[in-house]
N, C-alpha and C. Protein backbone atom coordinates (compact mmCIF):
# COMPACT_ATOMS: atom_id res chain seq x y z
N MET A 1 -65.20 19.07 -10.82
CA MET A 1 -63.92 18.87 -10.18
C MET A 1 -63.45 20.21 -9.61
N THR A 2 -63.04 20.24 -8.35
CA THR A 2 -62.56 21.47 -7.74
C THR A 2 -61.14 21.75 -8.19
N GLN A 3 -60.67 22.97 -7.89
CA GLN A 3 -59.30 23.35 -8.26
C GLN A 3 -58.29 22.44 -7.57
N ASN A 4 -58.52 22.12 -6.27
CA ASN A 4 -57.60 21.26 -5.54
C ASN A 4 -57.54 19.86 -6.15
N GLU A 5 -58.71 19.33 -6.56
CA GLU A 5 -58.74 18.01 -7.19
C GLU A 5 -57.97 18.03 -8.51
N GLY A 6 -58.15 19.11 -9.27
CA GLY A 6 -57.44 19.26 -10.55
C GLY A 6 -55.94 19.35 -10.34
N GLU A 7 -55.52 20.08 -9.31
CA GLU A 7 -54.09 20.20 -9.01
C GLU A 7 -53.51 18.86 -8.59
N LEU A 8 -54.26 18.11 -7.77
CA LEU A 8 -53.80 16.80 -7.33
C LEU A 8 -53.67 15.84 -8.51
N GLU A 9 -54.69 15.84 -9.38
CA GLU A 9 -54.64 14.94 -10.54
C GLU A 9 -53.46 15.30 -11.44
N SER A 10 -53.21 16.57 -11.63
CA SER A 10 -52.07 17.00 -12.44
C SER A 10 -50.75 16.55 -11.81
N LEU A 11 -50.66 16.67 -10.48
CA LEU A 11 -49.46 16.24 -9.77
C LEU A 11 -49.24 14.73 -9.93
N VAL A 12 -50.31 13.96 -9.82
CA VAL A 12 -50.21 12.50 -9.96
C VAL A 12 -49.74 12.14 -11.36
N ARG A 13 -50.29 12.80 -12.37
CA ARG A 13 -49.89 12.54 -13.76
C ARG A 13 -48.39 12.82 -13.95
N LYS A 14 -47.93 13.93 -13.39
CA LYS A 14 -46.50 14.28 -13.49
C LYS A 14 -45.64 13.25 -12.78
N ARG A 15 -46.10 12.76 -11.64
CA ARG A 15 -45.33 11.74 -10.91
C ARG A 15 -45.25 10.43 -11.70
N ILE A 16 -46.36 10.04 -12.30
CA ILE A 16 -46.36 8.80 -13.09
C ILE A 16 -45.33 8.92 -14.22
N ARG A 17 -45.37 10.04 -14.92
CA ARG A 17 -44.42 10.24 -16.03
C ARG A 17 -42.99 10.29 -15.50
N ALA A 18 -42.77 11.03 -14.41
CA ALA A 18 -41.41 11.18 -13.86
C ALA A 18 -40.85 9.83 -13.40
N LEU A 19 -41.68 9.02 -12.76
CA LEU A 19 -41.22 7.70 -12.32
C LEU A 19 -40.92 6.79 -13.51
N ARG A 20 -41.74 6.89 -14.54
CA ARG A 20 -41.50 6.09 -15.75
C ARG A 20 -40.17 6.49 -16.39
N VAL A 21 -39.95 7.79 -16.55
CA VAL A 21 -38.72 8.29 -17.17
C VAL A 21 -37.51 7.94 -16.31
N ALA A 22 -37.65 8.05 -14.97
CA ALA A 22 -36.53 7.73 -14.07
C ALA A 22 -36.12 6.27 -14.20
N GLN A 23 -37.06 5.40 -14.51
CA GLN A 23 -36.76 3.97 -14.70
C GLN A 23 -36.16 3.72 -16.08
N GLY A 24 -36.21 4.73 -16.94
CA GLY A 24 -35.72 4.55 -18.30
C GLY A 24 -36.70 3.78 -19.18
N TRP A 25 -37.99 3.82 -18.81
CA TRP A 25 -39.01 3.08 -19.53
C TRP A 25 -39.71 3.96 -20.55
N SER A 26 -40.03 3.39 -21.68
CA SER A 26 -40.85 4.06 -22.68
C SER A 26 -42.32 3.93 -22.25
N LEU A 27 -43.19 4.63 -22.97
CA LEU A 27 -44.63 4.46 -22.72
C LEU A 27 -45.01 2.99 -22.91
N GLU A 28 -44.45 2.38 -23.93
CA GLU A 28 -44.76 0.98 -24.22
C GLU A 28 -44.32 0.07 -23.07
N ASP A 29 -43.13 0.34 -22.49
CA ASP A 29 -42.63 -0.49 -21.38
C ASP A 29 -43.59 -0.45 -20.19
N LEU A 30 -43.98 0.76 -19.77
CA LEU A 30 -44.88 0.88 -18.63
C LEU A 30 -46.27 0.34 -18.96
N ALA A 31 -46.74 0.60 -20.16
CA ALA A 31 -48.06 0.09 -20.56
C ALA A 31 -48.09 -1.43 -20.48
N THR A 32 -47.01 -2.07 -20.91
CA THR A 32 -46.93 -3.53 -20.85
C THR A 32 -46.93 -4.01 -19.41
N ARG A 33 -46.15 -3.36 -18.56
CA ARG A 33 -46.08 -3.74 -17.14
C ARG A 33 -47.42 -3.54 -16.44
N ALA A 34 -48.12 -2.46 -16.81
CA ALA A 34 -49.40 -2.14 -16.15
C ALA A 34 -50.59 -2.81 -16.83
N ARG A 35 -50.33 -3.46 -17.96
CA ARG A 35 -51.38 -4.13 -18.74
C ARG A 35 -52.49 -3.16 -19.15
N VAL A 36 -52.05 -1.99 -19.64
CA VAL A 36 -52.96 -1.03 -20.25
C VAL A 36 -52.41 -0.73 -21.64
N SER A 37 -53.23 -0.17 -22.48
CA SER A 37 -52.73 0.15 -23.83
C SER A 37 -51.81 1.36 -23.76
N GLN A 38 -50.91 1.42 -24.72
CA GLN A 38 -49.96 2.53 -24.77
C GLN A 38 -50.70 3.85 -24.97
N SER A 39 -51.74 3.85 -25.79
CA SER A 39 -52.50 5.08 -26.04
C SER A 39 -53.23 5.53 -24.77
N THR A 40 -53.75 4.58 -23.99
CA THR A 40 -54.42 4.93 -22.72
C THR A 40 -53.42 5.58 -21.77
N LEU A 41 -52.25 4.97 -21.66
CA LEU A 41 -51.22 5.52 -20.77
C LEU A 41 -50.81 6.92 -21.23
N SER A 42 -50.64 7.10 -22.53
CA SER A 42 -50.27 8.41 -23.07
C SER A 42 -51.33 9.46 -22.72
N ARG A 43 -52.63 9.10 -22.88
CA ARG A 43 -53.71 10.03 -22.55
C ARG A 43 -53.77 10.32 -21.05
N ILE A 44 -53.46 9.32 -20.22
CA ILE A 44 -53.43 9.54 -18.77
C ILE A 44 -52.32 10.55 -18.43
N GLU A 45 -51.12 10.31 -18.96
CA GLU A 45 -50.00 11.21 -18.65
C GLU A 45 -50.24 12.63 -19.15
N ASN A 46 -50.93 12.76 -20.29
CA ASN A 46 -51.15 14.08 -20.89
C ASN A 46 -52.42 14.77 -20.43
N GLY A 47 -53.17 14.14 -19.54
CA GLY A 47 -54.38 14.76 -19.00
C GLY A 47 -55.57 14.68 -19.93
N GLN A 48 -55.52 13.84 -20.95
CA GLN A 48 -56.63 13.71 -21.89
C GLN A 48 -57.60 12.62 -21.46
N ARG A 49 -57.25 11.90 -20.42
CA ARG A 49 -58.14 10.86 -19.90
C ARG A 49 -58.14 10.97 -18.38
N ARG A 50 -59.31 10.87 -17.83
CA ARG A 50 -59.45 10.95 -16.37
C ARG A 50 -58.84 9.69 -15.73
N LEU A 51 -58.17 9.88 -14.60
CA LEU A 51 -57.54 8.77 -13.88
C LEU A 51 -58.59 8.04 -13.04
N ALA A 52 -58.76 6.77 -13.29
CA ALA A 52 -59.67 5.95 -12.48
C ALA A 52 -58.86 5.30 -11.36
N LEU A 53 -59.50 5.05 -10.23
CA LEU A 53 -58.82 4.48 -9.07
C LEU A 53 -58.15 3.14 -9.40
N ASP A 54 -58.86 2.28 -10.15
CA ASP A 54 -58.27 0.98 -10.47
C ASP A 54 -57.02 1.14 -11.34
N GLN A 55 -57.02 2.13 -12.24
CA GLN A 55 -55.83 2.39 -13.06
C GLN A 55 -54.69 2.93 -12.19
N LEU A 56 -55.03 3.76 -11.22
CA LEU A 56 -54.02 4.31 -10.33
C LEU A 56 -53.34 3.20 -9.53
N VAL A 57 -54.12 2.26 -9.03
CA VAL A 57 -53.57 1.12 -8.29
C VAL A 57 -52.65 0.30 -9.19
N THR A 58 -53.11 0.01 -10.40
CA THR A 58 -52.33 -0.78 -11.36
C THR A 58 -51.03 -0.07 -11.72
N LEU A 59 -51.10 1.23 -11.99
CA LEU A 59 -49.90 1.98 -12.35
C LEU A 59 -48.92 2.07 -11.17
N ALA A 60 -49.45 2.27 -9.97
CA ALA A 60 -48.58 2.34 -8.79
C ALA A 60 -47.82 1.02 -8.64
N ARG A 61 -48.52 -0.08 -8.79
CA ARG A 61 -47.88 -1.41 -8.68
C ARG A 61 -46.81 -1.58 -9.75
N ALA A 62 -47.13 -1.20 -10.97
CA ALA A 62 -46.18 -1.35 -12.08
C ALA A 62 -44.95 -0.47 -11.88
N LEU A 63 -45.13 0.67 -11.21
CA LEU A 63 -44.02 1.59 -10.95
C LEU A 63 -43.29 1.28 -9.64
N ASP A 64 -43.70 0.20 -8.97
CA ASP A 64 -43.10 -0.23 -7.71
C ASP A 64 -43.20 0.86 -6.64
N THR A 65 -44.40 1.44 -6.54
CA THR A 65 -44.66 2.44 -5.51
C THR A 65 -46.06 2.16 -4.97
N SER A 66 -46.57 3.07 -4.16
CA SER A 66 -47.91 2.90 -3.61
C SER A 66 -48.80 4.06 -4.07
N VAL A 67 -50.10 3.84 -4.00
CA VAL A 67 -51.04 4.91 -4.33
C VAL A 67 -50.81 6.09 -3.38
N ASP A 68 -50.56 5.80 -2.10
CA ASP A 68 -50.30 6.87 -1.12
C ASP A 68 -49.16 7.77 -1.57
N GLN A 69 -48.09 7.16 -2.09
CA GLN A 69 -46.95 7.97 -2.52
C GLN A 69 -47.27 8.75 -3.79
N LEU A 70 -48.09 8.19 -4.65
CA LEU A 70 -48.47 8.91 -5.87
C LEU A 70 -49.35 10.13 -5.56
N VAL A 71 -50.20 10.03 -4.54
CA VAL A 71 -51.14 11.13 -4.26
C VAL A 71 -50.72 12.01 -3.08
N ALA A 72 -49.58 11.73 -2.46
CA ALA A 72 -49.14 12.51 -1.29
C ALA A 72 -48.96 13.97 -1.68
N THR A 73 -49.52 14.86 -0.85
CA THR A 73 -49.40 16.29 -1.12
C THR A 73 -48.75 17.05 0.02
N ALA A 74 -48.67 16.44 1.20
CA ALA A 74 -48.14 17.16 2.36
C ALA A 74 -46.65 17.44 2.17
N THR A 75 -46.31 18.72 2.17
CA THR A 75 -44.90 19.10 2.09
C THR A 75 -44.49 19.91 3.31
N GLU A 76 -45.46 20.18 4.18
CA GLU A 76 -45.13 20.99 5.36
C GLU A 76 -44.28 20.22 6.37
N ASP A 77 -44.21 18.89 6.25
CA ASP A 77 -43.45 18.08 7.20
C ASP A 77 -42.09 17.68 6.65
N VAL A 78 -41.49 18.50 5.82
CA VAL A 78 -40.20 18.17 5.22
C VAL A 78 -39.09 18.21 6.27
N VAL A 79 -39.11 19.19 7.15
CA VAL A 79 -38.06 19.37 8.14
C VAL A 79 -38.51 18.76 9.47
N THR A 80 -37.61 17.99 10.08
CA THR A 80 -37.90 17.33 11.36
C THR A 80 -36.89 17.79 12.40
N ASN A 81 -37.36 18.12 13.58
CA ASN A 81 -36.48 18.50 14.67
C ASN A 81 -36.14 17.27 15.51
N PRO A 82 -34.93 17.25 16.06
CA PRO A 82 -34.54 16.08 16.86
C PRO A 82 -35.15 16.11 18.25
N VAL A 83 -35.20 14.92 18.85
CA VAL A 83 -35.53 14.78 20.26
C VAL A 83 -34.19 14.64 20.96
N ILE A 84 -33.95 15.41 22.00
CA ILE A 84 -32.68 15.38 22.71
C ILE A 84 -32.77 14.39 23.87
N ASP A 85 -31.81 13.48 23.93
CA ASP A 85 -31.71 12.51 25.02
C ASP A 85 -30.39 12.78 25.74
N SER A 86 -30.43 13.67 26.72
CA SER A 86 -29.21 14.07 27.44
C SER A 86 -28.59 12.92 28.21
N ALA A 87 -29.40 12.01 28.72
CA ALA A 87 -28.89 10.88 29.51
C ALA A 87 -27.94 10.00 28.72
N HIS A 88 -28.17 9.90 27.40
CA HIS A 88 -27.31 9.05 26.56
C HIS A 88 -26.48 9.87 25.57
N ALA A 89 -26.45 11.20 25.73
CA ALA A 89 -25.72 12.09 24.83
C ALA A 89 -26.10 11.83 23.37
N GLN A 90 -27.41 11.83 23.11
CA GLN A 90 -27.92 11.51 21.78
C GLN A 90 -28.93 12.55 21.30
N LYS A 91 -29.00 12.66 19.98
CA LYS A 91 -30.12 13.33 19.32
C LYS A 91 -30.77 12.25 18.47
N ARG A 92 -32.12 12.23 18.46
CA ARG A 92 -32.86 11.22 17.70
C ARG A 92 -33.84 11.87 16.75
N TRP A 93 -33.92 11.32 15.56
CA TRP A 93 -34.93 11.73 14.58
C TRP A 93 -35.69 10.49 14.15
N SER A 94 -37.02 10.59 14.04
CA SER A 94 -37.76 9.46 13.47
C SER A 94 -37.89 9.69 11.97
N VAL A 95 -38.05 8.61 11.24
CA VAL A 95 -38.18 8.66 9.79
C VAL A 95 -39.66 8.55 9.47
N LYS A 96 -40.24 9.62 8.96
CA LYS A 96 -41.70 9.66 8.76
C LYS A 96 -42.19 8.58 7.81
N ALA A 97 -41.41 8.27 6.79
CA ALA A 97 -41.84 7.26 5.82
C ALA A 97 -41.88 5.86 6.44
N ASP A 98 -41.10 5.66 7.50
CA ASP A 98 -41.07 4.37 8.19
C ASP A 98 -40.96 4.66 9.68
N PRO A 99 -42.10 4.83 10.36
CA PRO A 99 -42.08 5.22 11.77
C PRO A 99 -41.31 4.26 12.67
N GLY A 100 -41.08 3.04 12.23
CA GLY A 100 -40.31 2.10 13.03
C GLY A 100 -38.82 2.35 12.97
N MET A 101 -38.39 3.16 12.02
CA MET A 101 -36.96 3.43 11.84
C MET A 101 -36.59 4.71 12.58
N ILE A 102 -35.38 4.74 13.11
CA ILE A 102 -34.93 5.93 13.83
C ILE A 102 -33.48 6.23 13.48
N VAL A 103 -33.15 7.52 13.46
CA VAL A 103 -31.79 7.99 13.21
C VAL A 103 -31.29 8.60 14.52
N VAL A 104 -30.08 8.22 14.94
CA VAL A 104 -29.54 8.68 16.21
C VAL A 104 -28.16 9.29 15.99
N ARG A 105 -27.94 10.47 16.53
CA ARG A 105 -26.60 11.08 16.54
C ARG A 105 -26.09 10.95 17.96
N GLN A 106 -24.88 10.40 18.09
CA GLN A 106 -24.36 10.10 19.42
C GLN A 106 -22.87 10.38 19.49
N ARG A 107 -22.43 10.85 20.63
CA ARG A 107 -21.01 11.07 20.89
C ARG A 107 -20.53 9.90 21.72
N LEU A 108 -19.52 9.20 21.22
CA LEU A 108 -18.93 8.07 21.94
C LEU A 108 -17.61 8.50 22.55
N THR A 109 -17.39 8.14 23.80
CA THR A 109 -16.13 8.49 24.46
C THR A 109 -15.40 7.25 24.96
N ASN A 110 -16.11 6.17 25.21
CA ASN A 110 -15.49 4.95 25.74
C ASN A 110 -15.18 3.97 24.62
N PRO A 111 -14.13 3.15 24.81
CA PRO A 111 -13.86 2.11 23.83
C PRO A 111 -14.96 1.05 23.88
N PRO A 112 -15.03 0.19 22.87
CA PRO A 112 -16.05 -0.87 22.93
C PRO A 112 -15.73 -1.81 24.09
N PRO A 113 -16.72 -2.52 24.60
CA PRO A 113 -16.45 -3.43 25.71
C PRO A 113 -15.48 -4.53 25.30
N ASP A 114 -14.56 -4.89 26.20
CA ASP A 114 -13.61 -5.95 25.89
C ASP A 114 -14.14 -7.32 26.29
N ASN A 115 -15.27 -7.34 26.96
CA ASN A 115 -15.88 -8.59 27.39
C ASN A 115 -16.95 -9.00 26.37
N PRO A 116 -16.77 -10.14 25.67
CA PRO A 116 -17.74 -10.57 24.66
C PRO A 116 -19.17 -10.72 25.21
N SER A 117 -19.30 -10.93 26.50
CA SER A 117 -20.64 -11.09 27.06
C SER A 117 -21.42 -9.78 27.03
N ARG A 118 -20.74 -8.66 26.82
CA ARG A 118 -21.42 -7.36 26.74
C ARG A 118 -21.84 -7.01 25.31
N MET A 119 -21.49 -7.89 24.36
CA MET A 119 -21.94 -7.68 22.99
C MET A 119 -23.36 -8.21 22.87
N ARG A 120 -24.16 -7.58 22.01
CA ARG A 120 -25.56 -7.96 21.89
C ARG A 120 -25.85 -8.50 20.51
N ALA A 121 -26.82 -9.38 20.44
CA ALA A 121 -27.33 -9.89 19.16
C ALA A 121 -28.85 -9.86 19.24
N HIS A 122 -29.48 -9.48 18.15
CA HIS A 122 -30.94 -9.39 18.11
C HIS A 122 -31.37 -9.25 16.65
N PRO A 123 -32.63 -9.47 16.37
CA PRO A 123 -33.10 -9.29 14.99
C PRO A 123 -32.92 -7.84 14.55
N GLY A 124 -32.75 -7.64 13.27
CA GLY A 124 -32.70 -6.29 12.72
C GLY A 124 -31.45 -6.00 11.93
N ARG A 125 -31.31 -4.74 11.60
CA ARG A 125 -30.17 -4.27 10.82
C ARG A 125 -29.83 -2.86 11.31
N GLU A 126 -28.53 -2.55 11.34
CA GLU A 126 -28.08 -1.22 11.76
C GLU A 126 -27.12 -0.67 10.73
N TRP A 127 -27.10 0.66 10.64
CA TRP A 127 -26.16 1.38 9.80
C TRP A 127 -25.47 2.39 10.71
N LEU A 128 -24.18 2.57 10.50
CA LEU A 128 -23.39 3.45 11.35
C LEU A 128 -22.52 4.32 10.45
N VAL A 129 -22.60 5.64 10.60
CA VAL A 129 -21.76 6.57 9.85
C VAL A 129 -20.97 7.37 10.88
N VAL A 130 -19.64 7.45 10.70
CA VAL A 130 -18.81 8.21 11.61
C VAL A 130 -18.71 9.64 11.10
N LEU A 131 -19.17 10.59 11.92
CA LEU A 131 -19.15 12.00 11.54
C LEU A 131 -17.81 12.64 11.87
N SER A 132 -17.19 12.21 12.99
CA SER A 132 -15.86 12.71 13.35
C SER A 132 -15.19 11.69 14.27
N GLY A 133 -13.86 11.65 14.21
CA GLY A 133 -13.11 10.71 15.03
C GLY A 133 -13.08 9.33 14.41
N THR A 134 -12.78 8.33 15.24
CA THR A 134 -12.72 6.94 14.80
C THR A 134 -13.53 6.07 15.74
N ALA A 135 -14.40 5.26 15.17
CA ALA A 135 -15.19 4.31 15.96
C ALA A 135 -14.63 2.91 15.74
N VAL A 136 -14.85 2.05 16.72
CA VAL A 136 -14.49 0.65 16.59
C VAL A 136 -15.78 -0.15 16.67
N LEU A 137 -16.00 -0.98 15.68
CA LEU A 137 -17.17 -1.86 15.65
C LEU A 137 -16.69 -3.28 15.91
N MET A 138 -17.17 -3.88 16.98
CA MET A 138 -16.91 -5.29 17.27
C MET A 138 -18.09 -6.05 16.69
N LEU A 139 -17.81 -6.98 15.80
CA LEU A 139 -18.85 -7.73 15.12
C LEU A 139 -18.45 -9.20 15.12
N GLY A 140 -19.07 -9.98 16.01
CA GLY A 140 -18.65 -11.37 16.18
C GLY A 140 -17.23 -11.40 16.72
N ASN A 141 -16.35 -12.11 16.05
CA ASN A 141 -14.93 -12.17 16.46
C ASN A 141 -14.08 -11.14 15.76
N ARG A 142 -14.70 -10.27 14.97
CA ARG A 142 -13.92 -9.31 14.17
C ARG A 142 -14.01 -7.91 14.75
N ARG A 143 -12.96 -7.14 14.48
CA ARG A 143 -12.87 -5.75 14.95
C ARG A 143 -12.67 -4.87 13.73
N PHE A 144 -13.55 -3.86 13.56
CA PHE A 144 -13.46 -2.96 12.41
C PHE A 144 -13.24 -1.54 12.90
N ARG A 145 -12.27 -0.86 12.28
CA ARG A 145 -12.08 0.58 12.51
C ARG A 145 -12.93 1.31 11.47
N VAL A 146 -13.76 2.22 11.93
CA VAL A 146 -14.60 3.00 11.03
C VAL A 146 -14.22 4.46 11.25
N GLU A 147 -13.59 5.05 10.25
CA GLU A 147 -13.06 6.41 10.39
C GLU A 147 -14.06 7.45 9.87
N THR A 148 -13.73 8.72 10.09
CA THR A 148 -14.58 9.82 9.66
C THR A 148 -15.00 9.65 8.20
N ASP A 149 -16.28 9.83 7.95
CA ASP A 149 -16.91 9.71 6.63
C ASP A 149 -17.01 8.28 6.12
N GLN A 150 -16.66 7.30 6.92
CA GLN A 150 -16.89 5.91 6.54
C GLN A 150 -18.17 5.42 7.21
N ALA A 151 -18.72 4.36 6.66
CA ALA A 151 -19.96 3.80 7.19
C ALA A 151 -19.83 2.30 7.31
N ALA A 152 -20.63 1.73 8.19
CA ALA A 152 -20.72 0.27 8.35
C ALA A 152 -22.19 -0.10 8.37
N GLU A 153 -22.50 -1.21 7.75
CA GLU A 153 -23.86 -1.74 7.75
C GLU A 153 -23.76 -3.21 8.10
N PHE A 154 -24.60 -3.65 9.03
CA PHE A 154 -24.46 -5.03 9.47
C PHE A 154 -25.78 -5.58 10.01
N PRO A 155 -25.94 -6.91 9.88
CA PRO A 155 -27.11 -7.55 10.48
C PRO A 155 -26.86 -7.69 11.97
N THR A 156 -27.85 -7.36 12.76
CA THR A 156 -27.66 -7.35 14.21
C THR A 156 -27.82 -8.72 14.85
N MET A 157 -28.02 -9.76 14.04
CA MET A 157 -28.03 -11.11 14.60
C MET A 157 -26.61 -11.54 14.97
N LEU A 158 -25.60 -10.83 14.44
CA LEU A 158 -24.23 -11.08 14.87
C LEU A 158 -23.99 -10.31 16.17
N PRO A 159 -23.34 -10.92 17.17
CA PRO A 159 -23.04 -10.17 18.39
C PRO A 159 -22.21 -8.93 18.02
N HIS A 160 -22.59 -7.77 18.58
CA HIS A 160 -21.93 -6.53 18.19
C HIS A 160 -21.90 -5.53 19.34
N ALA A 161 -20.96 -4.61 19.22
CA ALA A 161 -20.83 -3.47 20.14
C ALA A 161 -19.94 -2.46 19.44
N PHE A 162 -20.03 -1.21 19.83
CA PHE A 162 -19.08 -0.24 19.29
C PHE A 162 -18.73 0.81 20.31
N GLY A 163 -17.61 1.49 20.04
CA GLY A 163 -17.11 2.52 20.93
C GLY A 163 -16.13 3.39 20.18
N ALA A 164 -15.45 4.27 20.92
CA ALA A 164 -14.51 5.21 20.33
C ALA A 164 -13.09 4.66 20.40
N GLU A 165 -12.25 5.14 19.48
CA GLU A 165 -10.82 4.78 19.51
C GLU A 165 -10.01 6.06 19.48
N GLY A 166 -9.08 6.20 20.43
CA GLY A 166 -8.16 7.34 20.42
C GLY A 166 -8.81 8.67 20.72
N GLY A 167 -9.91 8.70 21.39
CA GLY A 167 -10.60 9.95 21.73
C GLY A 167 -12.05 9.89 21.28
N PRO A 168 -12.79 10.91 21.64
CA PRO A 168 -14.23 10.91 21.33
C PRO A 168 -14.49 10.84 19.82
N CYS A 169 -15.63 10.29 19.47
CA CYS A 169 -16.08 10.31 18.08
C CYS A 169 -17.59 10.52 18.07
N GLU A 170 -18.06 11.05 16.96
CA GLU A 170 -19.50 11.25 16.80
C GLU A 170 -19.97 10.34 15.69
N ILE A 171 -21.10 9.68 15.94
CA ILE A 171 -21.65 8.76 14.96
C ILE A 171 -23.10 9.11 14.66
N LEU A 172 -23.55 8.66 13.51
CA LEU A 172 -24.94 8.71 13.14
C LEU A 172 -25.35 7.26 12.92
N GLY A 173 -26.28 6.78 13.73
CA GLY A 173 -26.73 5.41 13.62
C GLY A 173 -28.16 5.37 13.09
N ILE A 174 -28.44 4.40 12.23
CA ILE A 174 -29.79 4.21 11.71
C ILE A 174 -30.21 2.81 12.09
N PHE A 175 -31.33 2.72 12.78
CA PHE A 175 -31.82 1.45 13.32
C PHE A 175 -33.15 1.12 12.68
N ASP A 176 -33.27 -0.09 12.12
CA ASP A 176 -34.57 -0.48 11.61
C ASP A 176 -35.49 -0.83 12.77
N ARG A 177 -36.74 -1.14 12.48
CA ARG A 177 -37.76 -1.38 13.51
C ARG A 177 -37.32 -2.45 14.51
N ASP A 178 -36.79 -3.59 14.02
CA ASP A 178 -36.40 -4.68 14.92
C ASP A 178 -35.22 -4.29 15.80
N ALA A 179 -34.21 -3.65 15.20
CA ALA A 179 -33.03 -3.25 15.98
C ALA A 179 -33.42 -2.22 17.03
N ARG A 180 -34.25 -1.27 16.66
CA ARG A 180 -34.69 -0.24 17.61
C ARG A 180 -35.45 -0.86 18.77
N ARG A 181 -36.35 -1.78 18.45
CA ARG A 181 -37.16 -2.43 19.49
C ARG A 181 -36.26 -3.13 20.51
N ASP A 182 -35.26 -3.86 20.05
CA ASP A 182 -34.37 -4.58 20.97
C ASP A 182 -33.56 -3.61 21.83
N HIS A 183 -33.05 -2.54 21.21
CA HIS A 183 -32.26 -1.59 21.99
C HIS A 183 -33.11 -0.89 23.04
N GLN A 184 -34.37 -0.62 22.73
CA GLN A 184 -35.24 -0.01 23.73
C GLN A 184 -35.50 -0.97 24.88
N ARG A 185 -35.66 -2.26 24.56
CA ARG A 185 -35.83 -3.26 25.62
C ARG A 185 -34.61 -3.30 26.51
N GLY A 186 -33.41 -3.24 25.90
CA GLY A 186 -32.17 -3.24 26.68
C GLY A 186 -32.09 -2.06 27.61
N GLU A 187 -32.59 -0.89 27.13
CA GLU A 187 -32.57 0.30 27.97
C GLU A 187 -33.53 0.14 29.14
N ASP A 188 -34.70 -0.45 28.87
CA ASP A 188 -35.69 -0.62 29.93
C ASP A 188 -35.22 -1.58 31.01
N THR A 189 -34.45 -2.59 30.62
CA THR A 189 -34.02 -3.60 31.59
C THR A 189 -32.68 -3.24 32.23
N GLY A 190 -32.10 -2.13 31.81
CA GLY A 190 -30.82 -1.73 32.39
C GLY A 190 -29.66 -2.60 31.92
N ASP A 191 -29.84 -3.24 30.75
CA ASP A 191 -28.80 -4.10 30.21
C ASP A 191 -27.53 -3.28 29.95
N GLY A 192 -26.39 -3.90 30.13
CA GLY A 192 -25.11 -3.21 29.92
C GLY A 192 -24.81 -3.00 28.46
N GLY A 193 -23.66 -2.46 28.17
CA GLY A 193 -23.24 -2.22 26.79
C GLY A 193 -23.44 -0.78 26.43
N ARG A 194 -23.43 -0.52 25.15
CA ARG A 194 -23.48 0.85 24.69
C ARG A 194 -24.86 1.47 24.90
N PRO A 195 -24.92 2.81 24.93
CA PRO A 195 -26.23 3.47 25.06
C PRO A 195 -27.11 3.07 23.89
N VAL A 196 -28.39 3.12 24.10
CA VAL A 196 -29.33 2.66 23.11
C VAL A 196 -30.27 3.78 22.70
N PRO A 197 -30.85 3.71 21.48
CA PRO A 197 -31.75 4.77 21.05
C PRO A 197 -33.09 4.70 21.75
C-alpha cells in the first residue's frame, strides 16, 4: 500500500466514524443498519481491518451517503468564482455537488409585472434570499413582501414573478435543475418577465 492509499484509507475511516457520531449512532446502531458485526465495524473504524469495496458500499448506503463522498479528496476546488452576466445585472455560481443547480446574485430595480400573463410556471423549485432592500414575490394570486435577510422557497409550478419594492434590492436566487432549464429556455426565446439565470 502506498502512502497516498494509506492516507485515503485513514481519511475514509475518519469520515465513517464522524458520520456515525453526527447521526448520534452507536457502533451497534450502524453495524445493524449496515448488516455487519459490531466488532467488524469497530476494527474498520480503528484501522485494524482493511476496508473492502463491498463493505464501503454497504457502509455508505447505511450512512445515507455515496462511496464518492466517502473517498473524495479534492479540496483545491473549495472556492468558486462567479460568472458575470452584465446583460442581466447578475453574478452566477454553479454548485459543484449538483451541476444542474445554480446560484444567482441579481439587482432588481423594477416592480414585479402587474400583468398575470407575464408570470411563469414550470417544473422545479426556487429559493430566494433578499440581501438588501425589499423584494415582492408574486405567487399565484398572492403577493409576498420579502425583506432584507428573509428568504422564500416555492415550487415553480405555481405562476410566479418577482421584482423590487420601494427602490432597488439585491437578491440571491437558487434554482434547481428544472427551474434553471426553464429560465434558460425563456431567455433563448426572448420571453418577457424577469431576467433569467
